[in-house]
């Protein structure tokens, strides 16, 4: 069971995938798990039974090949740029679009 330490897992106990920081058996059939949320960076402490460990599944991030549609990526970045420009200067962010 020590192989869980350092792994990224997900299960019904958390709302996001977590990285296991500490994992140890505290009693016969009971384990203490300390994990950190991947997105929120929140630290979770959890006591799990041996049966609960079967509900955990290892999580792997999808690989990125970079072979997507370049035009869609550009439009998404441009939309984000305009959104941020409007956030900081609502009066002049879109002047370049009207000229």
C-alpha atoms as a PDB file:
ATOM      1  CA  UNK A   1       0.000   0.000   0.000  1.00  0.00           C
ATOM      2  CA  UNK A   2       3.001   2.314   0.294  1.00  0.00           C
ATOM      3  CA  UNK A   3       2.915   2.687  -3.503  1.00  0.00           C
ATOM      4  CA  UNK A   4       0.089   5.258  -3.167  1.00  0.00           C
ATOM      5  CA  UNK A   5       2.495   7.869  -1.793  1.00  0.00           C
ATOM      6  CA  UNK A   6       3.233  10.407  -4.528  1.00  0.00           C
ATOM      7  CA  UNK A   7       0.463   9.116  -6.804  1.00  0.00           C
ATOM      8  CA  UNK A   8      -2.433  11.169  -8.149  1.00  0.00           C
ATOM      9  CA  UNK A   9      -5.741   9.472  -7.393  1.00  0.00           C
ATOM     10  CA  UNK A  10      -9.397  10.272  -7.499  1.00  0.00           C
ATOM     11  CA  UNK A  11     -12.315   8.845  -5.607  1.00  0.00           C
ATOM     12  CA  UNK A  12     -15.698   9.603  -4.069  1.00  0.00           C
ATOM     13  CA  UNK A  13     -14.057  11.224  -1.024  1.00  0.00           C
ATOM     14  CA  UNK A  14     -12.864  14.359  -2.849  1.00  0.00           C
ATOM     15  CA  UNK A  15     -14.285  16.718  -5.437  1.00  0.00           C
ATOM     16  CA  UNK A  16     -11.077  16.747  -7.476  1.00  0.00           C
ATOM     17  CA  UNK A  17      -8.058  14.553  -8.158  1.00  0.00           C
ATOM     18  CA  UNK A  18      -5.562  14.608  -5.276  1.00  0.00           C
ATOM     19  CA  UNK A  19      -1.845  13.923  -4.866  1.00  0.00           C
ATOM     20  CA  UNK A  20      -1.127  11.561  -1.978  1.00  0.00           C
ATOM     21  CA  UNK A  21       1.416  13.129   0.382  1.00  0.00           C
ATOM     22  CA  UNK A  22       1.351  10.648   3.273  1.00  0.00           C
ATOM     23  CA  UNK A  23      -0.105   7.175   3.516  1.00  0.00           C
ATOM     24  CA  UNK A  24       0.222   4.847   6.491  1.00  0.00           C
ATOM     25  CA  UNK A  25      -1.607   2.025   8.230  1.00  0.00           C
ATOM     26  CA  UNK A  26      -2.704   3.146  11.698  1.00  0.00           C
ATOM     27  CA  UNK A  27      -4.724   0.110  12.824  1.00  0.00           C
ATOM     28  CA  UNK A  28      -5.444  -3.295  11.402  1.00  0.00           C
ATOM     29  CA  UNK A  29      -7.390  -2.493   8.232  1.00  0.00           C
ATOM     30  CA  UNK A  30      -7.442   1.312   8.759  1.00  0.00           C
ATOM     31  CA  UNK A  31      -5.242   3.784   6.915  1.00  0.00           C
ATOM     32  CA  UNK A  32      -4.520   7.493   7.302  1.00  0.00           C
ATOM     33  CA  UNK A  33      -4.122   9.414   4.070  1.00  0.00           C
ATOM     34  CA  UNK A  34      -2.955  12.999   3.646  1.00  0.00           C
ATOM     35  CA  UNK A  35      -3.555  14.395   0.181  1.00  0.00           C
ATOM     36  CA  UNK A  36      -3.437  17.721  -1.629  1.00  0.00           C
ATOM     37  CA  UNK A  37      -5.991  18.806  -4.229  1.00  0.00           C
ATOM     38  CA  UNK A  38      -4.500  19.283  -7.675  1.00  0.00           C
ATOM     39  CA  UNK A  39      -6.525  22.401  -8.546  1.00  0.00           C
ATOM     40  CA  UNK A  40      -7.388  23.923  -5.175  1.00  0.00           C
ATOM     41  CA  UNK A  41      -4.134  22.992  -3.373  1.00  0.00           C
ATOM     42  CA  UNK A  42      -6.308  22.173  -0.335  1.00  0.00           C
ATOM     43  CA  UNK A  43      -4.874  19.603   2.061  1.00  0.00           C
ATOM     44  CA  UNK A  44      -7.206  16.736   2.980  1.00  0.00           C
ATOM     45  CA  UNK A  45      -6.803  14.292   5.873  1.00  0.00           C
ATOM     46  CA  UNK A  46      -8.837  11.119   5.581  1.00  0.00           C
ATOM     47  CA  UNK A  47      -9.114   7.834   7.493  1.00  0.00           C
ATOM     48  CA  UNK A  48      -9.960   4.999   5.130  1.00  0.00           C
ATOM     49  CA  UNK A  49     -10.852   1.352   5.575  1.00  0.00           C
ATOM     50  CA  UNK A  50      -9.223  -1.271   3.401  1.00  0.00           C
ATOM     51  CA  UNK A  51     -12.494  -1.549   1.428  1.00  0.00           C
ATOM     52  CA  UNK A  52     -12.390   2.217   0.738  1.00  0.00           C
ATOM     53  CA  UNK A  53      -9.002   1.883  -0.930  1.00  0.00           C
ATOM     54  CA  UNK A  54     -10.606  -0.218  -3.651  1.00  0.00           C
ATOM     55  CA  UNK A  55     -12.698   2.811  -4.682  1.00  0.00           C
ATOM     56  CA  UNK A  56      -9.584   4.873  -5.443  1.00  0.00           C
ATOM     57  CA  UNK A  57      -8.393   4.980  -9.020  1.00  0.00           C
ATOM     58  CA  UNK A  58      -5.108   6.295 -10.302  1.00  0.00           C
ATOM     59  CA  UNK A  59      -5.513   9.455 -12.325  1.00  0.00           C
ATOM     60  CA  UNK A  60      -3.459  10.382 -15.365  1.00  0.00           C
ATOM     61  CA  UNK A  61      -3.658  13.748 -17.065  1.00  0.00           C
ATOM     62  CA  UNK A  62      -4.487  13.539 -20.764  1.00  0.00           C
ATOM     63  CA  UNK A  63      -1.484  14.025 -22.982  1.00  0.00           C
ATOM     64  CA  UNK A  64      -1.341  17.064 -25.231  1.00  0.00           C
ATOM     65  CA  UNK A  65      -0.148  16.559 -28.775  1.00  0.00           C
ATOM     66  CA  UNK A  66      -0.302  20.164 -30.046  1.00  0.00           C
ATOM     67  CA  UNK A  67      -2.079  19.064 -33.228  1.00  0.00           C
ATOM     68  CA  UNK A  68      -5.268  21.029 -32.622  1.00  0.00           C
ATOM     69  CA  UNK A  69      -6.939  23.677 -34.746  1.00  0.00           C
ATOM     70  CA  UNK A  70      -4.702  26.763 -34.657  1.00  0.00           C
ATOM     71  CA  UNK A  71      -7.478  29.156 -35.662  1.00  0.00           C
ATOM     72  CA  UNK A  72      -9.685  28.063 -32.758  1.00  0.00           C
ATOM     73  CA  UNK A  73      -6.763  28.468 -30.356  1.00  0.00           C
ATOM     74  CA  UNK A  74      -6.098  31.985 -31.695  1.00  0.00           C
ATOM     75  CA  UNK A  75      -9.774  32.961 -31.342  1.00  0.00           C
ATOM     76  CA  UNK A  76      -9.865  31.664 -27.772  1.00  0.00           C
ATOM     77  CA  UNK A  77      -6.744  33.632 -26.869  1.00  0.00           C
ATOM     78  CA  UNK A  78      -8.097  36.768 -28.545  1.00  0.00           C
ATOM     79  CA  UNK A  79     -11.387  36.444 -26.640  1.00  0.00           C
ATOM     80  CA  UNK A  80      -9.461  36.133 -23.375  1.00  0.00           C
ATOM     81  CA  UNK A  81      -7.342  39.186 -24.283  1.00  0.00           C
ATOM     82  CA  UNK A  82     -10.451  41.283 -24.954  1.00  0.00           C
ATOM     83  CA  UNK A  83     -12.097  40.061 -21.744  1.00  0.00           C
ATOM     84  CA  UNK A  84      -9.052  41.051 -19.694  1.00  0.00           C
ATOM     85  CA  UNK A  85      -8.686  44.391 -21.474  1.00  0.00           C
ATOM     86  CA  UNK A  86     -12.304  45.228 -20.697  1.00  0.00           C
ATOM     87  CA  UNK A  87     -11.742  44.298 -17.061  1.00  0.00           C
ATOM     88  CA  UNK A  88      -8.970  46.875 -16.672  1.00  0.00           C
ATOM     89  CA  UNK A  89     -10.168  49.596 -19.056  1.00  0.00           C
ATOM     90  CA  UNK A  90     -13.820  49.254 -20.120  1.00  0.00           C
ATOM     91  CA  UNK A  91     -13.807  52.489 -22.165  1.00  0.00           C
ATOM     92  CA  UNK A  92     -10.930  51.835 -24.520  1.00  0.00           C
ATOM     93  CA  UNK A  93     -10.454  48.091 -24.663  1.00  0.00           C
ATOM     94  CA  UNK A  94     -12.428  47.555 -27.829  1.00  0.00           C
ATOM     95  CA  UNK A  95     -11.388  50.672 -29.776  1.00  0.00           C
ATOM     96  CA  UNK A  96      -9.254  48.560 -32.081  1.00  0.00           C
ATOM     97  CA  UNK A  97     -12.336  46.523 -33.041  1.00  0.00           C
ATOM     98  CA  UNK A  98     -14.388  49.517 -34.186  1.00  0.00           C
ATOM     99  CA  UNK A  99     -11.676  51.190 -36.284  1.00  0.00           C
END
